[in-house]
C-alpha atoms as a PDB file:
ATOM      1  CA  MET A   1      44.475  15.779   5.733  1.00  0.00           C
ATOM      2  CA  ILE A   2      41.510  13.569   5.071  1.00  0.00           C
ATOM      3  CA  TRP A   3      41.814  12.193   8.572  1.00  0.00           C
ATOM      4  CA  ALA A   4      41.153  15.654  10.059  1.00  0.00           C
ATOM      5  CA  ALA A   5      38.052  16.093   7.747  1.00  0.00           C
ATOM      6  CA  PHE A   6      36.880  12.582   8.693  1.00  0.00           C
ATOM      7  CA  ALA A   7      37.311  13.148  12.324  1.00  0.00           C
ATOM      8  CA  SER A   8      35.596  16.565  12.087  1.00  0.00           C
ATOM      9  CA  GLU A   9      32.511  14.861  10.367  1.00  0.00           C
ATOM     10  CA  TRP A  10      32.442  12.149  13.109  1.00  0.00           C
ATOM     11  CA  THR A  11      32.313  14.759  15.709  1.00  0.00           C
ATOM     12  CA  LYS A  12      29.158  15.908  14.180  1.00  0.00           C
ATOM     13  CA  LEU A  13      27.845  12.505  13.649  1.00  0.00           C
ATOM     14  CA  ARG A  14      28.488  11.649  17.344  1.00  0.00           C
ATOM     15  CA  ARG A  15      25.695  14.036  18.512  1.00  0.00           C
ATOM     16  CA  ARG A  16      23.402  11.994  20.788  1.00  0.00           C
ATOM     17  CA  THR A  17      20.289  12.810  18.918  1.00  0.00           C
ATOM     18  CA  LEU A  18      21.571  11.812  15.574  1.00  0.00           C
ATOM     19  CA  PHE A  19      23.565   8.842  16.874  1.00  0.00           C
ATOM     20  CA  LEU A  20      20.702   7.232  18.793  1.00  0.00           C
ATOM     21  CA  SER A  21      18.046   7.931  16.197  1.00  0.00           C
ATOM     22  CA  THR A  22      20.127   6.482  13.476  1.00  0.00           C
ATOM     23  CA  PHE A  23      21.161   3.423  15.187  1.00  0.00           C
ATOM     24  CA  LEU A  24      18.130   2.707  17.074  1.00  0.00           C
ATOM     25  CA  GLY A  25      15.971   3.719  13.912  1.00  0.00           C
ATOM     26  CA  LEU A  26      17.754   1.314  11.706  1.00  0.00           C
ATOM     27  CA  ALA A  27      17.695  -1.494  14.377  1.00  0.00           C
ATOM     28  CA  ALA A  28      13.849  -0.948  14.822  1.00  0.00           C
ATOM     29  CA  ALA A  29      13.361  -1.223  10.965  1.00  0.00           C
ATOM     30  CA  ALA A  30      15.391  -4.442  10.590  1.00  0.00           C
ATOM     31  CA  SER A  31      13.663  -5.989  13.743  1.00  0.00           C
ATOM     32  CA  LEU A  32      10.188  -5.030  12.452  1.00  0.00           C
ATOM     33  CA  PHE A  33      10.816  -6.798   9.133  1.00  0.00           C
ATOM     34  CA  VAL A  34      11.992  -9.861  10.997  1.00  0.00           C
ATOM     35  CA  VAL A  35       8.874  -9.832  13.363  1.00  0.00           C
ATOM     36  CA  LEU A  36       6.688  -9.401  10.435  1.00  0.00           C
ATOM     37  CA  MET A  37       8.273 -12.257   8.523  1.00  0.00           C
ATOM     38  CA  PHE A  38       7.853 -14.687  11.357  1.00  0.00           C
ATOM     39  CA  SER A  39       4.433 -13.648  12.160  1.00  0.00           C
ATOM     40  CA  GLN A  40       3.231 -14.023   8.511  1.00  0.00           C
ATOM     41  CA  ALA A  41       5.108 -17.214   7.996  1.00  0.00           C
ATOM     42  CA  SER A  42       2.863 -20.339   7.403  1.00  0.00           C
ATOM     43  CA  PRO A  43       3.430 -24.061   7.705  1.00  0.00           C
ATOM     44  CA  ASN A  44       2.763 -24.850   4.058  1.00  0.00           C
ATOM     45  CA  GLY A  45       2.578 -21.702   1.788  1.00  0.00           C
ATOM     46  CA  GLY A  46       2.712 -17.996   1.459  1.00  0.00           C
ATOM     47  CA  ILE A  47       5.550 -15.616   1.063  1.00  0.00           C
ATOM     48  CA  VAL A  48       7.693 -17.769   3.299  1.00  0.00           C
ATOM     49  CA  THR A  49       7.072 -21.025   5.039  1.00  0.00           C
ATOM     50  CA  LEU A  50       8.204 -22.116   8.606  1.00  0.00           C
ATOM     51  CA  HIS A  51      10.271 -24.884   6.981  1.00  0.00           C
ATOM     52  CA  GLN A  52      12.198 -22.262   4.950  1.00  0.00           C
ATOM     53  CA  LEU A  53      13.042 -20.183   8.081  1.00  0.00           C
ATOM     54  CA  ALA A  54      14.325 -23.272   9.778  1.00  0.00           C
ATOM     55  CA  GLN A  55      16.938 -23.712   6.990  1.00  0.00           C
ATOM     56  CA  PRO A  56      20.504 -22.471   7.228  1.00  0.00           C
ATOM     57  CA  ASN A  57      19.782 -19.397   5.226  1.00  0.00           C
ATOM     58  CA  GLY A  58      16.407 -18.795   6.992  1.00  0.00           C
ATOM     59  CA  LEU A  59      17.696 -15.617   8.812  1.00  0.00           C
ATOM     60  CA  VAL A  60      19.132 -14.192   5.588  1.00  0.00           C
ATOM     61  CA  ILE A  61      15.593 -14.264   4.138  1.00  0.00           C
ATOM     62  CA  GLY A  62      14.538 -11.543   6.638  1.00  0.00           C
ATOM     63  CA  VAL A  63      17.579  -9.499   6.289  1.00  0.00           C
ATOM     64  CA  ALA A  64      17.334  -9.500   2.511  1.00  0.00           C
ATOM     65  CA  ARG A  65      13.620  -8.343   2.695  1.00  0.00           C
ATOM     66  CA  ALA A  66      14.562  -5.553   4.819  1.00  0.00           C
ATOM     67  CA  ALA A  67      17.325  -4.220   2.352  1.00  0.00           C
ATOM     68  CA  MET A  68      15.177  -1.731   0.579  1.00  0.00           C
ATOM     69  CA  LEU A  69      14.018   0.047   3.734  1.00  0.00           C
ATOM     70  CA  LEU A  70      17.394   0.140   5.216  1.00  0.00           C
ATOM     71  CA  GLY A  71      18.760   1.513   2.112  1.00  0.00           C
ATOM     72  CA  VAL A  72      16.248   4.326   1.890  1.00  0.00           C
ATOM     73  CA  VAL A  73      16.859   5.275   5.343  1.00  0.00           C
ATOM     74  CA  ALA A  74      20.571   5.329   4.792  1.00  0.00           C
ATOM     75  CA  PHE A  75      20.232   7.388   1.602  1.00  0.00           C
ATOM     76  CA  GLY A  76      17.977   9.953   3.473  1.00  0.00           C
ATOM     77  CA  ILE A  77      20.395  10.331   6.410  1.00  0.00           C
ATOM     78  CA  ALA A  78      23.465  10.747   3.898  1.00  0.00           C
ATOM     79  CA  ALA A  79      21.610  13.344   1.810  1.00  0.00           C
ATOM     80  CA  SER A  80      20.626  15.307   4.782  1.00  0.00           C
ATOM     81  CA  GLN A  81      24.016  15.428   6.287  1.00  0.00           C
ATOM     82  CA  VAL A  82      25.587  17.039   3.188  1.00  0.00           C
ATOM     83  CA  ALA A  83      22.715  19.313   2.373  1.00  0.00           C
ATOM     84  CA  SER A  84      22.292  20.615   5.745  1.00  0.00           C
ATOM     85  CA  GLU A  85      25.877  22.083   5.751  1.00  0.00           C
ATOM     86  CA  TYR A  86      24.552  24.467   3.199  1.00  0.00           C
ATOM     87  CA  SER A  87      21.092  25.335   4.711  1.00  0.00           C
ATOM     88  CA  LEU A  88      22.643  25.786   8.135  1.00  0.00           C
ATOM     89  CA  GLY A  89      25.559  27.783   6.728  1.00  0.00           C
ATOM     90  CA  THR A  90      28.158  25.743   8.419  1.00  0.00           C
ATOM     91  CA  LEU A  91      30.124  24.779   5.366  1.00  0.00           C
ATOM     92  CA  ARG A  92      31.664  28.213   5.296  1.00  0.00           C
ATOM     93  CA  GLN A  93      33.225  27.764   8.670  1.00  0.00           C
ATOM     94  CA  LEU A  94      34.551  24.330   7.649  1.00  0.00           C
ATOM     95  CA  LEU A  95      36.091  25.718   4.605  1.00  0.00           C
ATOM     96  CA  VAL A  96      38.077  28.239   6.682  1.00  0.00           C
ATOM     97  CA  ARG A  97      39.571  25.462   8.674  1.00  0.00           C
ATOM     98  CA  GLN A  98      40.111  23.209   5.687  1.00  0.00           C
ATOM     99  CA  PRO A  99      40.343  25.233   2.435  1.00  0.00           C
ATOM    100  CA  ARG A 100      41.257  22.197   0.266  1.00  0.00           C
ATOM    101  CA  ARG A 101      37.790  21.318  -0.880  1.00  0.00           C
ATOM    102  CA  ALA A 102      38.561  17.814  -2.423  1.00  0.00           C
ATOM    103  CA  VAL A 103      40.073  16.671   1.061  1.00  0.00           C
ATOM    104  CA  LEU A 104      37.174  18.152   2.957  1.00  0.00           C
ATOM    105  CA  LEU A 105      34.472  16.431   0.798  1.00  0.00           C
ATOM    106  CA  ALA A 106      36.265  13.171   0.756  1.00  0.00           C
ATOM    107  CA  GLY A 107      36.735  13.238   4.486  1.00  0.00           C
ATOM    108  CA  LYS A 108      33.048  14.071   4.968  1.00  0.00           C
ATOM    109  CA  MET A 109      31.990  11.176   2.684  1.00  0.00           C
ATOM    110  CA  LEU A 110      34.271   8.740   4.318  1.00  0.00           C
ATOM    111  CA  GLY A 111      32.654   9.738   7.765  1.00  0.00           C
ATOM    112  CA  VAL A 112      29.136   9.376   6.708  1.00  0.00           C
ATOM    113  CA  ILE A 113      29.733   5.977   5.044  1.00  0.00           C
ATOM    114  CA  THR A 114      31.444   4.483   8.053  1.00  0.00           C
ATOM    115  CA  PHE A 115      28.821   5.954  10.331  1.00  0.00           C
ATOM    116  CA  LEU A 116      26.036   4.306   8.255  1.00  0.00           C
ATOM    117  CA  VAL A 117      27.807   0.940   7.850  1.00  0.00           C
ATOM    118  CA  LEU A 118      28.306   0.859  11.682  1.00  0.00           C
ATOM    119  CA  ALA A 119      24.770   1.581  12.281  1.00  0.00           C
ATOM    120  CA  LEU A 120      23.825  -1.249   9.763  1.00  0.00           C
ATOM    121  CA  CYS A 121      26.037  -3.877  11.771  1.00  0.00           C
ATOM    122  CA  PHE A 122      24.325  -2.681  14.920  1.00  0.00           C
ATOM    123  CA  ALA A 123      20.779  -3.190  13.372  1.00  0.00           C
ATOM    124  CA  ALA A 124      21.929  -6.719  12.170  1.00  0.00           C
ATOM    125  CA  VAL A 125      22.889  -7.673  15.669  1.00  0.00           C
ATOM    126  CA  VAL A 126      19.694  -6.591  17.223  1.00  0.00           C
ATOM    127  CA  ALA A 127      17.718  -8.132  14.290  1.00  0.00           C
ATOM    128  CA  LEU A 128      19.513 -11.387  14.903  1.00  0.00           C
ATOM    129  CA  ILE A 129      18.586 -11.478  18.635  1.00  0.00           C
ATOM    130  CA  VAL A 130      14.913 -10.632  17.719  1.00  0.00           C
ATOM    131  CA  ALA A 131      14.904 -13.347  15.094  1.00  0.00           C
ATOM    132  CA  VAL A 132      16.033 -15.864  17.594  1.00  0.00           C
ATOM    133  CA  VAL A 133      13.291 -14.904  20.066  1.00  0.00           C
ATOM    134  CA  ALA A 134      10.562 -14.867  17.208  1.00  0.00           C
ATOM    135  CA  ALA A 135      11.690 -18.197  15.942  1.00  0.00           C
ATOM    136  CA  HIS A 136      11.316 -19.880  19.334  1.00  0.00           C
ATOM    137  CA  SER A 137       7.928 -18.183  19.757  1.00  0.00           C
ATOM    138  CA  ARG A 138       6.783 -19.933  16.493  1.00  0.00           C
ATOM    139  CA  GLY A 139       8.512 -23.320  17.044  1.00  0.00           C
ATOM    140  CA  VAL A 140      11.113 -22.757  14.424  1.00  0.00           C
ATOM    141  CA  PRO A 141      14.397 -24.561  15.314  1.00  0.00           C
ATOM    142  CA  THR A 142      17.481 -22.204  14.964  1.00  0.00           C
ATOM    143  CA  SER A 143      20.346 -24.684  15.026  1.00  0.00           C
ATOM    144  CA  ALA A 144      20.876 -24.595  11.355  1.00  0.00           C
ATOM    145  CA  TRP A 145      21.450 -20.829  11.341  1.00  0.00           C
ATOM    146  CA  PHE A 146      24.745 -21.218  13.382  1.00  0.00           C
ATOM    147  CA  THR A 147      26.366 -23.899  11.354  1.00  0.00           C
ATOM    148  CA  GLY A 148      29.137 -23.190   9.038  1.00  0.00           C
ATOM    149  CA  THR A 149      26.713 -22.849   6.049  1.00  0.00           C
ATOM    150  CA  GLY A 150      24.380 -20.771   7.985  1.00  0.00           C
ATOM    151  CA  LEU A 151      27.014 -18.324   9.272  1.00  0.00           C
ATOM    152  CA  ARG A 152      28.598 -18.210   5.728  1.00  0.00           C
ATOM    153  CA  ASP A 153      25.219 -17.235   4.270  1.00  0.00           C
ATOM    154  CA  LEU A 154      24.738 -14.655   6.962  1.00  0.00           C
ATOM    155  CA  PHE A 155      28.051 -12.944   6.645  1.00  0.00           C
ATOM    156  CA  ARG A 156      27.829 -12.972   2.890  1.00  0.00           C
ATOM    157  CA  GLU A 157      24.439 -11.182   3.154  1.00  0.00           C
ATOM    158  CA  LEU A 158      25.696  -8.702   5.612  1.00  0.00           C
ATOM    159  CA  GLY A 159      28.616  -7.991   3.342  1.00  0.00           C
ATOM    160  CA  ASP A 160      26.212  -7.370   0.369  1.00  0.00           C
ATOM    161  CA  LEU A 161      24.125  -5.063   2.704  1.00  0.00           C
ATOM    162  CA  ALA A 162      27.293  -3.100   3.745  1.00  0.00           C
ATOM    163  CA  LEU A 163      28.242  -2.715  -0.067  1.00  0.00           C
ATOM    164  CA  ALA A 164      24.622  -1.553  -0.803  1.00  0.00           C
ATOM    165  CA  THR A 165      24.802   0.931   2.219  1.00  0.00           C
ATOM    166  CA  VAL A 166      27.915   2.413   0.708  1.00  0.00           C
ATOM    167  CA  GLY A 167      25.906   2.818  -2.618  1.00  0.00           C
ATOM    168  CA  TYR A 168      22.850   4.498  -1.051  1.00  0.00           C
ATOM    169  CA  SER A 169      25.148   6.720   1.090  1.00  0.00           C
ATOM    170  CA  VAL A 170      27.123   7.991  -1.874  1.00  0.00           C
ATOM    171  CA  LEU A 171      24.089   8.601  -3.934  1.00  0.00           C
ATOM    172  CA  GLY A 172      22.452  10.409  -1.078  1.00  0.00           C
ATOM    173  CA  MET A 173      25.434  12.492  -0.465  1.00  0.00           C
ATOM    174  CA  ALA A 174      25.782  13.390  -4.159  1.00  0.00           C
ATOM    175  CA  LEU A 175      22.076  14.355  -4.233  1.00  0.00           C
ATOM    176  CA  GLY A 176      22.510  16.529  -1.097  1.00  0.00           C
ATOM    177  CA  GLN A 177      25.461  18.257  -2.842  1.00  0.00           C
ATOM    178  CA  PHE A 178      23.476  19.132  -6.004  1.00  0.00           C
ATOM    179  CA  VAL A 179      20.027  20.305  -4.275  1.00  0.00           C
ATOM    180  CA  ARG A 180      21.556  21.896  -0.962  1.00  0.00           C
ATOM    181  CA  SER A 181      18.468  21.380   0.798  1.00  0.00           C
ATOM    182  CA  ALA A 182      17.928  18.603   3.347  1.00  0.00           C
ATOM    183  CA  VAL A 183      14.325  18.320   3.117  1.00  0.00           C
ATOM    184  CA  PHE A 184      14.305  18.516  -0.676  1.00  0.00           C
ATOM    185  CA  ALA A 185      17.061  15.977  -1.128  1.00  0.00           C
ATOM    186  CA  VAL A 186      15.259  13.537   1.217  1.00  0.00           C
ATOM    187  CA  ILE A 187      11.964  13.989  -0.688  1.00  0.00           C
ATOM    188  CA  VAL A 188      13.520  13.557  -4.241  1.00  0.00           C
ATOM    189  CA  GLY A 189      15.508  10.585  -3.129  1.00  0.00           C
ATOM    190  CA  PHE A 190      12.603   8.691  -1.433  1.00  0.00           C
ATOM    191  CA  ALA A 191      10.376   9.502  -4.454  1.00  0.00           C
ATOM    192  CA  TRP A 192      12.899   8.241  -6.864  1.00  0.00           C
ATOM    193  CA  LEU A 193      13.763   5.027  -5.062  1.00  0.00           C
ATOM    194  CA  ILE A 194      10.222   4.024  -3.799  1.00  0.00           C
ATOM    195  CA  ALA A 195       7.937   5.266  -6.623  1.00  0.00           C
ATOM    196  CA  VAL A 196       9.641   6.645  -9.777  1.00  0.00           C
ATOM    197  CA  GLU A 197      11.781   3.579 -10.373  1.00  0.00           C
ATOM    198  CA  ASN A 198       8.782   1.408  -9.852  1.00  0.00           C
ATOM    199  CA  ILE A 199       6.685   3.257 -12.194  1.00  0.00           C
ATOM    200  CA  ILE A 200       9.349   3.283 -14.910  1.00  0.00           C
ATOM    201  CA  THR A 201       9.983  -0.552 -14.637  1.00  0.00           C
ATOM    202  CA  ARG A 202       6.249  -1.200 -14.967  1.00  0.00           C
ATOM    203  CA  ILE A 203       5.895   0.862 -17.958  1.00  0.00           C
ATOM    204  CA  VAL A 204       9.161  -0.366 -19.496  1.00  0.00           C
ATOM    205  CA  PRO A 205      10.377  -3.465 -17.851  1.00  0.00           C
ATOM    206  CA  SER A 206      13.541  -3.682 -19.722  1.00  0.00           C
ATOM    207  CA  THR A 207      14.861  -0.505 -17.935  1.00  0.00           C
ATOM    208  CA  GLN A 208      15.000  -2.183 -14.507  1.00  0.00           C
ATOM    209  CA  GLN A 209      18.549  -3.451 -15.017  1.00  0.00           C
ATOM    210  CA  TRP A 210      19.816  -0.027 -15.732  1.00  0.00           C
ATOM    211  CA  LEU A 211      18.246   1.935 -12.963  1.00  0.00           C
ATOM    212  CA  PRO A 212      20.654   2.968 -10.027  1.00  0.00           C
ATOM    213  CA  GLY A 213      18.101   2.026  -7.137  1.00  0.00           C
ATOM    214  CA  ALA A 214      17.498  -1.517  -8.659  1.00  0.00           C
ATOM    215  CA  SER A 215      21.105  -2.159  -9.182  1.00  0.00           C
ATOM    216  CA  ILE A 216      22.088  -1.412  -5.695  1.00  0.00           C
ATOM    217  CA  LEU A 217      19.051  -3.322  -4.370  1.00  0.00           C
ATOM    218  CA  ALA A 218      20.245  -6.317  -6.489  1.00  0.00           C
ATOM    219  CA  VAL A 219      23.549  -6.209  -4.659  1.00  0.00           C
ATOM    220  CA  ALA A 220      21.896  -6.027  -1.146  1.00  0.00           C
ATOM    221  CA  SER A 221      19.654  -9.006  -1.954  1.00  0.00           C
ATOM    222  CA  GLY A 222      22.393 -11.187  -3.565  1.00  0.00           C
ATOM    223  CA  GLY A 223      20.712 -10.881  -6.979  1.00  0.00           C
ATOM    224  CA  ALA A 224      17.092 -10.094  -7.882  1.00  0.00           C
ATOM    225  CA  GLU A 225      14.531 -10.897 -10.537  1.00  0.00           C
ATOM    226  CA  GLY A 226      15.590  -9.000 -13.756  1.00  0.00           C
ATOM    227  CA  VAL A 227      18.832  -7.738 -12.285  1.00  0.00           C
ATOM    228  CA  GLY A 228      21.723 -10.195 -11.544  1.00  0.00           C
ATOM    229  CA  TYR A 229      24.204  -9.711  -8.663  1.00  0.00           C
ATOM    230  CA  ALA A 230      27.362  -9.222 -10.825  1.00  0.00           C
ATOM    231  CA  HIS A 231      25.341  -7.033 -13.214  1.00  0.00           C
ATOM    232  CA  GLY A 232      24.203  -4.915 -10.283  1.00  0.00           C
ATOM    233  CA  LEU A 233      27.539  -4.648  -8.698  1.00  0.00           C
ATOM    234  CA  ILE A 234      29.301  -3.470 -11.938  1.00  0.00           C
ATOM    235  CA  LEU A 235      26.572  -0.891 -12.800  1.00  0.00           C
ATOM    236  CA  GLY A 236      26.321   0.214  -9.248  1.00  0.00           C
ATOM    237  CA  ALA A 237      30.035   0.861  -9.174  1.00  0.00           C
ATOM    238  CA  VAL A 238      29.675   2.932 -12.434  1.00  0.00           C
ATOM    239  CA  TYR A 239      26.906   4.986 -10.917  1.00  0.00           C
ATOM    240  CA  LEU A 240      28.859   5.613  -7.765  1.00  0.00           C
ATOM    241  CA  ALA A 241      31.978   6.590  -9.621  1.00  0.00           C
ATOM    242  CA  VAL A 242      29.863   9.172 -11.754  1.00  0.00           C
ATOM    243  CA  ALA A 243      28.095  10.429  -8.750  1.00  0.00           C
ATOM    244  CA  ILE A 244      31.369  11.052  -6.807  1.00  0.00           C
ATOM    245  CA  ALA A 245      33.054  12.756  -9.709  1.00  0.00           C
ATOM    246  CA  ALA A 246      30.055  14.970 -10.352  1.00  0.00           C
ATOM    247  CA  ALA A 247      29.619  15.868  -6.706  1.00  0.00           C
ATOM    248  CA  MET A 248      33.343  16.564  -6.427  1.00  0.00           C
ATOM    249  CA  THR A 249      33.169  18.819  -9.630  1.00  0.00           C
ATOM    250  CA  VAL A 250      30.145  20.792  -8.336  1.00  0.00           C
ATOM    251  CA  PHE A 251      31.803  21.274  -4.807  1.00  0.00           C
ATOM    252  CA  LEU A 252      35.156  22.384  -6.212  1.00  0.00           C
ATOM    253  CA  ARG A 253      33.554  24.827  -8.508  1.00  0.00           C
ATOM    254  CA  SER A 254      30.529  26.186  -6.595  1.00  0.00           C
ATOM    255  CA  ASP A 255      30.658  29.423  -4.584  1.00  0.00           C
ATOM    256  CA  VAL A 256      29.930  28.367  -0.956  1.00  0.00           C
ATOM    257  CA  THR A 257      31.946  31.021   0.796  1.00  0.00           C
ATOM    258  CA  ALA A 258      29.834  34.075  -0.257  1.00  0.00           C
END
């Protein structure tokens, strides 16, 4: 059953080194963005003003700006978790216990996705606490953050980030399935998301709305310049469906037991 494969994956994910490094790493990354945002905020201009941070959606500004970094980290972790099964040779043992490959891969994907979404929720809670401390240090009132409007904006942004995390995780796991090398999967993924897509959009700006990374980032940010939220959500869902189908096809047909 899928539940058994899911539980098996979580047994691996609960290892102290991986669990703590993922949860604390994402929390540190999100908190760093919050600290930088408040430290760089100015009274009258710049990227963000102190007045903007005092608005009901002030906290959302920092969370949205951290979306790219959080997504890249999630992508790398997901890719390495799938690819390492090949490089370490543990996949053969797993297939002995669960020979139905579709069930095994579905359980593994579900386990990695829930793991990373929970890590994101933990990072959001830590970043919120850091934001309150940073706001008071700069004299920014935070009462508007905890009004009905502020909390609604916050939970909507966290929901968008969770959707984006699912997207980055699925793409990472699909790439890990294709290349079967944890290090190579992480390098290729980081290069594409951080550099290649940026180069492509600078050369041909009209391609931005059709790239997978840009589409998922638009979802995480609630919409971005050149890529609307609805467009990113639909296109991202298409990319994920294709990625899951391709990864499943490769996994079902490949020889991993020899």
